[in-house]
Structures are given as structure tokens and as C-alpha cells.
Amino acid sequence: MAVAQAGRDAGCTEALFTLGETSRAALRRSCPLAGSRGYRSTVDYVASAAQMVLESTGLLPHANAGALYEHELAQLRTVSALLRA
């Protein structure tokens, strides 16, 4: 959140959430940070983080999480400016 708040304070209007070249297996399981915070999967973690950034900073989240299934896209669509269209 500190990075998002600093971006907002510097005049940014968007926050990019990217996972790079993430495999399907990696998306299905929790990353260590996500798992330690109680999230079932990396996608769950990204969706929650994007929601927190949107609500706390007003920055528009953009999720670039690689190849996703329809249900994962639907989950991220609710918190990602690019996926809402």
C-alpha cells in the first residue's frame, strides 16, 4: 500500500499488477506471500490487493496476470479498469 500511496502522491492515476510469465500451476496455488496471508490462490491475492488499492488510493488497478480461466478473469474484472470494458 505504501508504494500505491506514493504513486498517488506523485500524480499517478493507475496501478499495474503484473505477474510476468506465470504458469497455470503457479496461478492455481498460493504464492508464499499470498498463502501466508490466507489467500487460496495468487489470483485471489491479486484481486484483493487491487481492491485495496482502488478503495484506499483511488488509483485504477490494471491486472496483467497472464493466461487466466474465465472464472479468474471474472474475478479480476470487478477490480481492474482494463477488464471492465
C-alpha atoms as a PDB file:
ATOM      1  CA  MET A   1       0.000   0.000   0.000  1.00  0.00           C
ATOM      2  CA  ALA A   2       2.904   2.354   0.668  1.00  0.00           C
ATOM      3  CA  VAL A   3       4.020   2.091  -2.964  1.00  0.00           C
ATOM      4  CA  ALA A   4       0.480   2.752  -4.221  1.00  0.00           C
ATOM      5  CA  GLN A   5       0.084   5.743  -1.911  1.00  0.00           C
ATOM      6  CA  ALA A   6       3.454   7.131  -3.026  1.00  0.00           C
ATOM      7  CA  GLY A   7       2.382   6.737  -6.646  1.00  0.00           C
ATOM      8  CA  ARG A   8      -0.871   8.556  -5.980  1.00  0.00           C
ATOM      9  CA  ASP A   9       1.016  11.326  -4.197  1.00  0.00           C
ATOM     10  CA  ALA A  10       3.358  11.625  -7.191  1.00  0.00           C
ATOM     11  CA  GLY A  11       0.393  12.111  -9.536  1.00  0.00           C
ATOM     12  CA  CYS A  12      -0.092   8.585 -10.860  1.00  0.00           C
ATOM     13  CA  THR A  13      -3.633   7.566 -11.754  1.00  0.00           C
ATOM     14  CA  GLU A  14      -3.186   3.821 -12.355  1.00  0.00           C
ATOM     15  CA  ALA A  15      -1.595   0.843 -10.608  1.00  0.00           C
ATOM     16  CA  LEU A  16      -0.319  -2.122 -12.635  1.00  0.00           C
ATOM     17  CA  PHE A  17      -0.487  -5.585 -11.101  1.00  0.00           C
ATOM     18  CA  THR A  18       1.654  -7.897 -13.202  1.00  0.00           C
ATOM     19  CA  LEU A  19       2.816 -11.437 -12.573  1.00  0.00           C
ATOM     20  CA  GLY A  20       5.160 -11.848 -15.534  1.00  0.00           C
ATOM     21  CA  GLU A  21       5.367 -15.268 -17.152  1.00  0.00           C
ATOM     22  CA  THR A  22       3.229 -17.105 -14.642  1.00  0.00           C
ATOM     23  CA  SER A  23       2.401 -20.762 -15.265  1.00  0.00           C
ATOM     24  CA  ARG A  24      -1.081 -22.192 -14.802  1.00  0.00           C
ATOM     25  CA  ALA A  25       0.206 -24.254 -11.869  1.00  0.00           C
ATOM     26  CA  ALA A  26       1.583 -21.151 -10.157  1.00  0.00           C
ATOM     27  CA  LEU A  27      -1.715 -19.316 -10.543  1.00  0.00           C
ATOM     28  CA  ARG A  28      -3.675 -22.218  -9.036  1.00  0.00           C
ATOM     29  CA  ARG A  29      -1.590 -22.394  -5.872  1.00  0.00           C
ATOM     30  CA  SER A  30      -0.797 -19.628  -3.457  1.00  0.00           C
ATOM     31  CA  CYS A  31       2.431 -17.762  -3.725  1.00  0.00           C
ATOM     32  CA  PRO A  32       4.223 -17.780  -0.344  1.00  0.00           C
ATOM     33  CA  LEU A  33       3.107 -14.231   0.463  1.00  0.00           C
ATOM     34  CA  ALA A  34      -0.485 -14.906  -0.562  1.00  0.00           C
ATOM     35  CA  GLY A  35      -0.615 -18.171   1.368  1.00  0.00           C
ATOM     36  CA  SER A  36       0.811 -16.593   4.492  1.00  0.00           C
ATOM     37  CA  ARG A  37      -1.988 -14.018   4.372  1.00  0.00           C
ATOM     38  CA  GLY A  38      -4.750 -16.585   3.977  1.00  0.00           C
ATOM     39  CA  TYR A  39      -5.436 -16.423   0.218  1.00  0.00           C
ATOM     40  CA  ARG A  40      -6.256 -19.630  -1.655  1.00  0.00           C
ATOM     41  CA  SER A  41      -4.501 -18.606  -4.874  1.00  0.00           C
ATOM     42  CA  THR A  42      -2.362 -15.965  -6.472  1.00  0.00           C
ATOM     43  CA  VAL A  43      -5.406 -14.653  -8.363  1.00  0.00           C
ATOM     44  CA  ASP A  44      -7.291 -14.258  -5.065  1.00  0.00           C
ATOM     45  CA  TYR A  45      -4.361 -12.270  -3.694  1.00  0.00           C
ATOM     46  CA  VAL A  46      -4.107 -10.003  -6.758  1.00  0.00           C
ATOM     47  CA  ALA A  47      -7.866  -9.334  -6.728  1.00  0.00           C
ATOM     48  CA  SER A  48      -7.778  -8.398  -3.053  1.00  0.00           C
ATOM     49  CA  ALA A  49      -4.714  -6.182  -3.431  1.00  0.00           C
ATOM     50  CA  ALA A  50      -6.263  -4.411  -6.436  1.00  0.00           C
ATOM     51  CA  GLN A  51      -9.468  -3.803  -4.466  1.00  0.00           C
ATOM     52  CA  MET A  52      -7.495  -2.345  -1.543  1.00  0.00           C
ATOM     53  CA  VAL A  53      -5.550  -0.018  -3.854  1.00  0.00           C
ATOM     54  CA  LEU A  54      -8.740   1.145  -5.581  1.00  0.00           C
ATOM     55  CA  GLU A  55     -10.548   1.844  -2.307  1.00  0.00           C
ATOM     56  CA  SER A  56      -7.595   3.352  -0.423  1.00  0.00           C
ATOM     57  CA  THR A  57      -5.907   5.436  -3.108  1.00  0.00           C
ATOM     58  CA  GLY A  58      -8.338   5.921  -5.963  1.00  0.00           C
ATOM     59  CA  LEU A  59      -5.731   4.558  -8.395  1.00  0.00           C
ATOM     60  CA  LEU A  60      -7.254   2.487 -11.198  1.00  0.00           C
ATOM     61  CA  PRO A  61      -5.918  -1.073 -10.957  1.00  0.00           C
ATOM     62  CA  HIS A  62      -4.834  -2.899 -14.104  1.00  0.00           C
ATOM     63  CA  ALA A  63      -4.356  -6.654 -13.694  1.00  0.00           C
ATOM     64  CA  ASN A  64      -1.915  -8.353 -16.053  1.00  0.00           C
ATOM     65  CA  ALA A  65      -1.890 -11.841 -14.590  1.00  0.00           C
ATOM     66  CA  GLY A  66      -1.097 -13.922 -17.671  1.00  0.00           C
ATOM     67  CA  ALA A  67      -3.271 -16.713 -19.063  1.00  0.00           C
ATOM     68  CA  LEU A  68      -6.414 -16.972 -16.983  1.00  0.00           C
ATOM     69  CA  TYR A  69      -9.536 -19.111 -16.988  1.00  0.00           C
ATOM     70  CA  GLU A  70     -12.907 -17.408 -17.456  1.00  0.00           C
ATOM     71  CA  HIS A  71     -13.757 -17.546 -13.740  1.00  0.00           C
ATOM     72  CA  GLU A  72     -10.413 -15.920 -12.888  1.00  0.00           C
ATOM     73  CA  LEU A  73     -10.992 -13.184 -15.459  1.00  0.00           C
ATOM     74  CA  ALA A  74     -14.431 -12.604 -13.980  1.00  0.00           C
ATOM     75  CA  GLN A  75     -12.893 -12.282 -10.512  1.00  0.00           C
ATOM     76  CA  LEU A  76     -10.324  -9.713 -11.674  1.00  0.00           C
ATOM     77  CA  ARG A  77     -12.832  -7.879 -13.887  1.00  0.00           C
ATOM     78  CA  THR A  78     -14.541  -6.456 -10.810  1.00  0.00           C
ATOM     79  CA  VAL A  79     -11.347  -4.656  -9.691  1.00  0.00           C
ATOM     80  CA  SER A  80      -9.449  -3.964 -12.910  1.00  0.00           C
ATOM     81  CA  ALA A  81     -10.070  -0.914 -15.068  1.00  0.00           C
ATOM     82  CA  LEU A  82      -8.920  -2.621 -18.286  1.00  0.00           C
ATOM     83  CA  LEU A  83     -11.013  -5.734 -17.811  1.00  0.00           C
ATOM     84  CA  ARG A  84     -14.259  -3.864 -17.083  1.00  0.00           C
ATOM     85  CA  ALA A  85     -14.862  -2.927 -20.716  1.00  0.00           C
END
